[in-house]
């Protein structure tokens, strides 16, 4: 998961908009909405969440909802 467009293997990444962020079982769950299809859940560690949110260039306290993120399915 990346906050900015990856520089490698571009065709292997998807880019979607964050619709919801929650925590489950000690992990962070980003729900992203593809242009077509069902919502995708991206489950990452809290440390990865912090790296992604920092990379989004948000103002202090601003929500990441509505921001675009790049991601690949595990093993993809």
N, C-alpha and C. Protein backbone atom coordinates (compact mmCIF):
# COMPACT_ATOMS: atom_id res chain seq x y z
N UNK A 1 0.86 -1.17 0.00
CA UNK A 1 0.00 0.00 0.00
C UNK A 1 0.90 1.24 0.00
N UNK A 2 0.57 2.20 -0.85
CA UNK A 2 1.36 3.43 -0.97
C UNK A 2 0.44 4.65 -0.96
N UNK A 3 0.95 5.73 -0.42
CA UNK A 3 0.22 6.99 -0.43
C UNK A 3 0.46 7.75 -1.74
N UNK A 4 1.55 7.41 -2.40
CA UNK A 4 1.88 8.07 -3.67
C UNK A 4 2.05 7.04 -4.76
N UNK A 5 1.94 7.48 -5.99
CA UNK A 5 2.05 6.58 -7.13
C UNK A 5 3.38 5.84 -7.09
N UNK A 6 3.34 4.50 -7.15
CA UNK A 6 4.59 3.73 -7.15
C UNK A 6 5.42 4.00 -8.39
N UNK A 7 6.70 3.75 -8.28
CA UNK A 7 7.60 3.99 -9.40
C UNK A 7 8.02 2.69 -10.09
N UNK A 8 7.51 1.56 -9.61
CA UNK A 8 7.89 0.27 -10.17
C UNK A 8 6.65 -0.59 -10.44
N UNK A 9 6.71 -1.40 -11.44
CA UNK A 9 5.62 -2.34 -11.79
C UNK A 9 4.25 -1.66 -11.75
N UNK A 10 4.13 -0.51 -12.38
CA UNK A 10 2.91 0.30 -12.32
C UNK A 10 1.66 -0.50 -12.69
N UNK A 11 1.76 -1.38 -13.66
CA UNK A 11 0.60 -2.13 -14.12
C UNK A 11 0.09 -3.14 -13.09
N UNK A 12 0.85 -3.40 -12.05
CA UNK A 12 0.44 -4.36 -11.01
C UNK A 12 -0.28 -3.70 -9.84
N UNK A 13 -0.41 -2.38 -9.85
CA UNK A 13 -1.01 -1.64 -8.75
C UNK A 13 -2.41 -1.16 -9.10
N UNK A 14 -3.28 -1.11 -8.11
CA UNK A 14 -4.60 -0.50 -8.25
C UNK A 14 -4.59 0.81 -7.48
N UNK A 15 -5.41 1.77 -7.90
CA UNK A 15 -5.52 3.04 -7.18
C UNK A 15 -7.00 3.29 -6.95
N UNK A 16 -7.35 3.54 -5.69
CA UNK A 16 -8.75 3.78 -5.32
C UNK A 16 -8.82 4.81 -4.19
N UNK A 17 -10.05 5.22 -3.87
CA UNK A 17 -10.31 6.24 -2.87
C UNK A 17 -10.67 5.62 -1.53
N UNK A 18 -10.08 6.13 -0.46
CA UNK A 18 -10.40 5.65 0.89
C UNK A 18 -11.80 6.12 1.26
N UNK A 19 -12.64 5.16 1.62
CA UNK A 19 -14.02 5.45 2.01
C UNK A 19 -14.22 5.39 3.53
N UNK A 20 -13.43 4.54 4.19
CA UNK A 20 -13.61 4.34 5.64
C UNK A 20 -12.32 3.77 6.22
N UNK A 21 -12.02 4.13 7.45
CA UNK A 21 -10.85 3.60 8.16
C UNK A 21 -11.31 3.14 9.53
N UNK A 22 -10.91 1.91 9.92
CA UNK A 22 -11.27 1.40 11.23
C UNK A 22 -10.15 0.50 11.74
N UNK A 23 -10.31 0.00 12.96
CA UNK A 23 -9.35 -0.94 13.52
C UNK A 23 -10.06 -2.23 13.83
N UNK A 24 -9.35 -3.33 13.60
CA UNK A 24 -9.90 -4.65 13.87
C UNK A 24 -8.76 -5.58 14.29
N UNK A 25 -8.87 -6.14 15.47
CA UNK A 25 -7.88 -7.11 15.92
C UNK A 25 -6.46 -6.61 15.94
N UNK A 26 -6.28 -5.34 16.30
CA UNK A 26 -4.94 -4.77 16.36
C UNK A 26 -4.38 -4.33 15.02
N UNK A 27 -5.18 -4.37 13.97
CA UNK A 27 -4.77 -3.94 12.65
C UNK A 27 -5.66 -2.79 12.19
N UNK A 28 -5.21 -2.11 11.16
CA UNK A 28 -5.99 -1.03 10.56
C UNK A 28 -6.65 -1.57 9.30
N UNK A 29 -7.91 -1.21 9.11
CA UNK A 29 -8.65 -1.62 7.91
C UNK A 29 -9.02 -0.37 7.12
N UNK A 30 -8.45 -0.25 5.93
CA UNK A 30 -8.83 0.80 4.99
C UNK A 30 -9.84 0.20 4.05
N UNK A 31 -11.00 0.81 3.92
CA UNK A 31 -11.96 0.38 2.91
C UNK A 31 -11.84 1.35 1.75
N UNK A 32 -11.53 0.80 0.57
CA UNK A 32 -11.41 1.63 -0.62
C UNK A 32 -12.49 1.25 -1.61
N UNK A 33 -12.89 2.21 -2.41
CA UNK A 33 -13.97 1.99 -3.37
C UNK A 33 -13.43 2.09 -4.79
N UNK A 34 -13.35 0.95 -5.48
CA UNK A 34 -12.97 0.99 -6.90
C UNK A 34 -14.06 1.67 -7.72
N UNK A 35 -13.70 2.16 -8.90
CA UNK A 35 -14.71 2.77 -9.77
C UNK A 35 -15.78 1.76 -10.14
N UNK A 36 -15.38 0.53 -10.33
CA UNK A 36 -16.34 -0.54 -10.62
C UNK A 36 -16.12 -1.66 -9.61
N UNK A 37 -17.19 -2.21 -9.09
CA UNK A 37 -17.06 -3.34 -8.19
C UNK A 37 -17.32 -2.99 -6.74
N UNK A 38 -17.15 -4.01 -5.92
CA UNK A 38 -17.42 -3.89 -4.49
C UNK A 38 -16.26 -3.24 -3.75
N UNK A 39 -16.57 -2.78 -2.55
CA UNK A 39 -15.55 -2.20 -1.68
C UNK A 39 -14.46 -3.23 -1.40
N UNK A 40 -13.22 -2.76 -1.34
CA UNK A 40 -12.07 -3.61 -1.05
C UNK A 40 -11.55 -3.24 0.34
N UNK A 41 -11.31 -4.25 1.18
CA UNK A 41 -10.71 -4.01 2.50
C UNK A 41 -9.22 -4.26 2.43
N UNK A 42 -8.45 -3.27 2.85
CA UNK A 42 -7.00 -3.39 2.93
C UNK A 42 -6.62 -3.44 4.40
N UNK A 43 -6.18 -4.60 4.86
CA UNK A 43 -5.84 -4.79 6.27
C UNK A 43 -4.33 -4.68 6.41
N UNK A 44 -3.89 -3.70 7.20
CA UNK A 44 -2.46 -3.45 7.39
C UNK A 44 -2.17 -3.26 8.88
N UNK A 45 -0.90 -3.32 9.23
CA UNK A 45 -0.52 -3.07 10.62
C UNK A 45 -0.68 -1.59 10.93
N UNK A 46 -0.71 -1.28 12.21
CA UNK A 46 -0.82 0.12 12.64
C UNK A 46 0.40 0.92 12.13
N UNK A 47 1.57 0.29 12.12
CA UNK A 47 2.78 0.97 11.64
C UNK A 47 2.65 1.34 10.16
N UNK A 48 2.10 0.45 9.35
CA UNK A 48 1.90 0.74 7.93
C UNK A 48 0.87 1.85 7.77
N UNK A 49 -0.19 1.81 8.58
CA UNK A 49 -1.19 2.88 8.53
C UNK A 49 -0.52 4.22 8.75
N UNK A 50 0.33 4.31 9.76
CA UNK A 50 1.01 5.58 10.06
C UNK A 50 1.87 6.05 8.89
N UNK A 51 2.58 5.12 8.25
CA UNK A 51 3.41 5.48 7.09
C UNK A 51 2.55 6.00 5.94
N UNK A 52 1.45 5.31 5.67
CA UNK A 52 0.58 5.72 4.57
C UNK A 52 -0.05 7.08 4.86
N UNK A 53 -0.59 7.26 6.06
CA UNK A 53 -1.25 8.53 6.40
C UNK A 53 -0.26 9.68 6.35
N UNK A 54 0.98 9.46 6.84
CA UNK A 54 2.01 10.50 6.77
C UNK A 54 2.32 10.88 5.33
N UNK A 55 2.29 9.89 4.44
CA UNK A 55 2.60 10.13 3.03
C UNK A 55 1.49 10.82 2.26
N UNK A 56 0.30 10.93 2.85
CA UNK A 56 -0.83 11.53 2.15
C UNK A 56 -0.81 13.05 2.13
N UNK A 57 0.12 13.66 2.82
CA UNK A 57 0.25 15.12 2.83
C UNK A 57 -1.04 15.79 3.33
N UNK A 58 -1.53 15.30 4.47
CA UNK A 58 -2.74 15.85 5.08
C UNK A 58 -2.36 16.90 6.13
N UNK A 59 -3.27 17.82 6.39
CA UNK A 59 -3.08 18.77 7.49
C UNK A 59 -3.23 18.02 8.81
N UNK A 60 -2.66 18.54 9.87
CA UNK A 60 -2.75 17.91 11.19
C UNK A 60 -4.20 17.65 11.56
N UNK A 61 -4.50 16.40 11.91
CA UNK A 61 -5.84 16.03 12.32
C UNK A 61 -6.81 15.77 11.19
N UNK A 62 -6.39 16.00 9.95
CA UNK A 62 -7.28 15.79 8.80
C UNK A 62 -7.45 14.29 8.54
N UNK A 63 -8.66 13.90 8.20
CA UNK A 63 -8.99 12.51 7.93
C UNK A 63 -8.45 12.07 6.56
N UNK A 64 -8.01 10.81 6.46
CA UNK A 64 -7.56 10.30 5.17
C UNK A 64 -8.72 9.91 4.24
N UNK A 65 -9.95 9.97 4.74
CA UNK A 65 -11.11 9.61 3.92
C UNK A 65 -11.19 10.57 2.72
N UNK A 66 -11.34 9.98 1.55
CA UNK A 66 -11.39 10.76 0.32
C UNK A 66 -10.05 10.82 -0.41
N UNK A 67 -8.98 10.40 0.28
CA UNK A 67 -7.65 10.39 -0.35
C UNK A 67 -7.50 9.16 -1.22
N UNK A 68 -6.62 9.25 -2.20
CA UNK A 68 -6.36 8.13 -3.09
C UNK A 68 -5.13 7.38 -2.59
N UNK A 69 -5.19 6.04 -2.67
CA UNK A 69 -4.05 5.20 -2.30
C UNK A 69 -3.83 4.14 -3.38
N UNK A 70 -2.60 3.70 -3.49
CA UNK A 70 -2.22 2.64 -4.42
C UNK A 70 -1.98 1.38 -3.61
N UNK A 71 -2.41 0.25 -4.15
CA UNK A 71 -2.24 -1.01 -3.42
C UNK A 71 -2.15 -2.18 -4.41
N UNK A 72 -1.58 -3.28 -3.89
CA UNK A 72 -1.53 -4.55 -4.62
C UNK A 72 -2.06 -5.62 -3.69
N UNK A 73 -2.73 -6.58 -4.24
CA UNK A 73 -3.17 -7.72 -3.44
C UNK A 73 -1.94 -8.53 -3.06
N UNK A 74 -1.98 -9.13 -1.88
CA UNK A 74 -0.86 -9.95 -1.40
C UNK A 74 -0.51 -11.00 -2.44
N UNK A 75 0.75 -11.07 -2.76
CA UNK A 75 1.22 -12.04 -3.75
C UNK A 75 0.97 -11.61 -5.19
N UNK A 76 0.41 -10.38 -5.35
CA UNK A 76 0.04 -9.94 -6.71
C UNK A 76 1.07 -9.22 -7.39
